[in-house]
Amino acid sequence: MSKLRLETELRFFDEHREELLQQHAGKYALIKGETLHGAFDTQENAYEHGVDLFGRKGRLHVHKRSL
């Protein structure tokens, strides 16, 4: 996973932080590129959903929404 690619997901999270915290506080966000693909109660559920959508290759970013 290249640093530049992960920066896209982190930038998306930072740019949408307030909205994400209001809508999904305490959840794990599955972000790929500049798209939120869901909010999950556990990191494992977020990762499993990511694997279902994108397979095991490629990049996924699972981020817990917190301040």
C-alpha atoms as a PDB file:
ATOM      1  CA  MET A   1       0.000   0.000   0.000  1.00  0.00           C
ATOM      2  CA  SER A   2       1.605   3.235  -1.053  1.00  0.00           C
ATOM      3  CA  LYS A   3       1.656   6.208   1.261  1.00  0.00           C
ATOM      4  CA  LEU A   4       0.105   8.418  -1.427  1.00  0.00           C
ATOM      5  CA  ARG A   5      -2.862   6.089  -1.841  1.00  0.00           C
ATOM      6  CA  LEU A   6      -3.585   5.964   1.868  1.00  0.00           C
ATOM      7  CA  GLU A   7      -3.348   9.743   1.972  1.00  0.00           C
ATOM      8  CA  THR A   8      -6.455   9.870  -0.252  1.00  0.00           C
ATOM      9  CA  GLU A   9      -8.493   7.954   2.333  1.00  0.00           C
ATOM     10  CA  LEU A  10      -7.123   9.954   5.247  1.00  0.00           C
ATOM     11  CA  ARG A  11      -7.813  13.232   3.448  1.00  0.00           C
ATOM     12  CA  PHE A  12     -11.393  12.086   2.741  1.00  0.00           C
ATOM     13  CA  PHE A  13     -11.866  11.287   6.421  1.00  0.00           C
ATOM     14  CA  ASP A  14     -10.430  14.624   7.523  1.00  0.00           C
ATOM     15  CA  GLU A  15     -12.537  16.582   5.028  1.00  0.00           C
ATOM     16  CA  HIS A  16     -15.752  14.846   6.176  1.00  0.00           C
ATOM     17  CA  ARG A  17     -14.869  14.406   9.863  1.00  0.00           C
ATOM     18  CA  GLU A  18     -17.718  16.482  11.341  1.00  0.00           C
ATOM     19  CA  GLU A  19     -20.391  14.885   9.160  1.00  0.00           C
ATOM     20  CA  LEU A  20     -19.060  11.386   9.818  1.00  0.00           C
ATOM     21  CA  LEU A  21     -18.876  11.933  13.565  1.00  0.00           C
ATOM     22  CA  GLN A  22     -22.435  13.233  13.681  1.00  0.00           C
ATOM     23  CA  GLN A  23     -23.838  10.351  11.655  1.00  0.00           C
ATOM     24  CA  HIS A  24     -21.675   7.438  12.790  1.00  0.00           C
ATOM     25  CA  ALA A  25     -19.935   8.253  16.085  1.00  0.00           C
ATOM     26  CA  GLY A  26     -18.128   5.269  17.563  1.00  0.00           C
ATOM     27  CA  LYS A  27     -18.362   3.200  14.383  1.00  0.00           C
ATOM     28  CA  TYR A  28     -15.621   1.942  12.088  1.00  0.00           C
ATOM     29  CA  ALA A  29     -15.657   3.592   8.677  1.00  0.00           C
ATOM     30  CA  LEU A  30     -14.692   1.610   5.585  1.00  0.00           C
ATOM     31  CA  ILE A  31     -13.146   4.108   3.173  1.00  0.00           C
ATOM     32  CA  LYS A  32     -11.694   3.322  -0.238  1.00  0.00           C
ATOM     33  CA  GLY A  33     -10.500   6.195  -2.354  1.00  0.00           C
ATOM     34  CA  GLU A  34     -12.871   9.069  -1.738  1.00  0.00           C
ATOM     35  CA  THR A  35     -15.877   6.901  -0.915  1.00  0.00           C
ATOM     36  CA  LEU A  36     -17.373   5.762   2.370  1.00  0.00           C
ATOM     37  CA  HIS A  37     -18.516   2.161   1.896  1.00  0.00           C
ATOM     38  CA  GLY A  38     -20.203   1.760   5.247  1.00  0.00           C
ATOM     39  CA  ALA A  39     -19.997   2.205   8.998  1.00  0.00           C
ATOM     40  CA  PHE A  40     -19.686  -0.877  11.200  1.00  0.00           C
ATOM     41  CA  ASP A  41     -19.806  -1.771  14.882  1.00  0.00           C
ATOM     42  CA  THR A  42     -16.525  -3.697  14.753  1.00  0.00           C
ATOM     43  CA  GLN A  43     -13.276  -3.366  12.862  1.00  0.00           C
ATOM     44  CA  GLU A  44     -13.620  -7.008  11.815  1.00  0.00           C
ATOM     45  CA  ASN A  45     -17.030  -6.405  10.220  1.00  0.00           C
ATOM     46  CA  ALA A  46     -15.689  -3.390   8.332  1.00  0.00           C
ATOM     47  CA  TYR A  47     -12.708  -5.357   7.059  1.00  0.00           C
ATOM     48  CA  GLU A  48     -14.834  -8.377   6.057  1.00  0.00           C
ATOM     49  CA  HIS A  49     -17.206  -6.125   4.118  1.00  0.00           C
ATOM     50  CA  GLY A  50     -14.211  -4.551   2.390  1.00  0.00           C
ATOM     51  CA  VAL A  51     -12.887  -7.955   1.392  1.00  0.00           C
ATOM     52  CA  ASP A  52     -16.344  -8.899   0.070  1.00  0.00           C
ATOM     53  CA  LEU A  53     -16.429  -5.741  -2.049  1.00  0.00           C
ATOM     54  CA  PHE A  54     -12.822  -5.503  -3.206  1.00  0.00           C
ATOM     55  CA  GLY A  55     -11.089  -8.798  -2.515  1.00  0.00           C
ATOM     56  CA  ARG A  56      -7.964  -9.289  -0.448  1.00  0.00           C
ATOM     57  CA  LYS A  57      -5.676  -7.407  -2.814  1.00  0.00           C
ATOM     58  CA  GLY A  58      -5.609  -3.660  -2.989  1.00  0.00           C
ATOM     59  CA  ARG A  59      -6.009  -1.068  -0.310  1.00  0.00           C
ATOM     60  CA  LEU A  60      -8.688  -0.561   2.305  1.00  0.00           C
ATOM     61  CA  HIS A  61      -8.808   1.934   5.110  1.00  0.00           C
ATOM     62  CA  VAL A  62     -10.820   1.123   8.219  1.00  0.00           C
ATOM     63  CA  HIS A  63     -10.991   4.090  10.561  1.00  0.00           C
ATOM     64  CA  LYS A  64     -12.789   4.445  13.877  1.00  0.00           C
ATOM     65  CA  ARG A  65     -14.556   7.755  14.061  1.00  0.00           C
ATOM     66  CA  SER A  66     -13.541   9.582  17.156  1.00  0.00           C
ATOM     67  CA  LEU A  67     -12.260  13.001  18.142  1.00  0.00           C
END
